[in-house]
Amino acid sequence: MAFENLRDQLKEQWADLSAKFHENPSINNLREKFESQTPVVQRAIIVGTCIFCALILLSLPYGYWSSSSDYMSQFDENRDLIQGLLKVSRIAKTTSPLPPPMDTNTLRARVDTILKSNQILQDQIGEFQDIPRPAVPSKMVPAIVQQNGVAFQVKTITVNQLIQLSNAIQNMGPGIKLMGLDLVQSANQTHYYDVIFKLVHFGLSNEVAQAPNRPTRGNDK
């Protein structure tokens, strides 16, 4: 009974709406204008109206699809950004794989080997001097990193020999860095130069390298 009553109420409401629709002067005017048109024009109006309604219906899912594509693009960008930040954070927390410290005598012996392998004569090799560790540790080199450096002079070498020596010294081994060089033209020579190489070895003692990282707290100062 309740369903039949609801159905009857819906029929009555539909009949009232239909009557009001047909009694509307604007609707009657449009209908009269439509009926006064030729069959070809009426058919074109019907087709155009159907296409317009179809476009409206299709625009709704397309709008949702376009919005979802924008959200997915933003999600992918944010995900890549977060992954990059996490990777950088892990790298920053990882201790650099520095080799054990090397004393200056060992460093000089390594340099002698490099000079001999590049056919540098003994009379071309000048004095060796130790490079002292800076009194105040820099931000780039923490206090726990040990530094040992030497400066040495090589005389009357060509530009090609200079390049070869620089590459060989730079690639001597882990922790060894060519920090700078001073170059002047050799006396009474046009294509030869006297060069002072400055290289430093950065090392980390085994005790420090193997020590576990101390957990940090927000209250630590």
Foldseek 3Di string as FASTA:
>chain_A
DVVVVVVVVVVVVVVVVVVVQCPDPVNVVVVVVLVPDDPVVNVVVVVVVVVVVVVVVVVVVVVVVVVVVVVVVVVVVVVVVVVVVVVVVVVVPDDDPAAADDAPVVVVVLLVVLCVVLVQDPVQKADKDKDDDDPDDDPVADPQKDKTKIKIKGWFDAPVSVVSSQVCQCVSDGQKHFPDKDWDPHPPDDGTIMMITIMMGIRHHPVVNPDDDDDDDPPDD
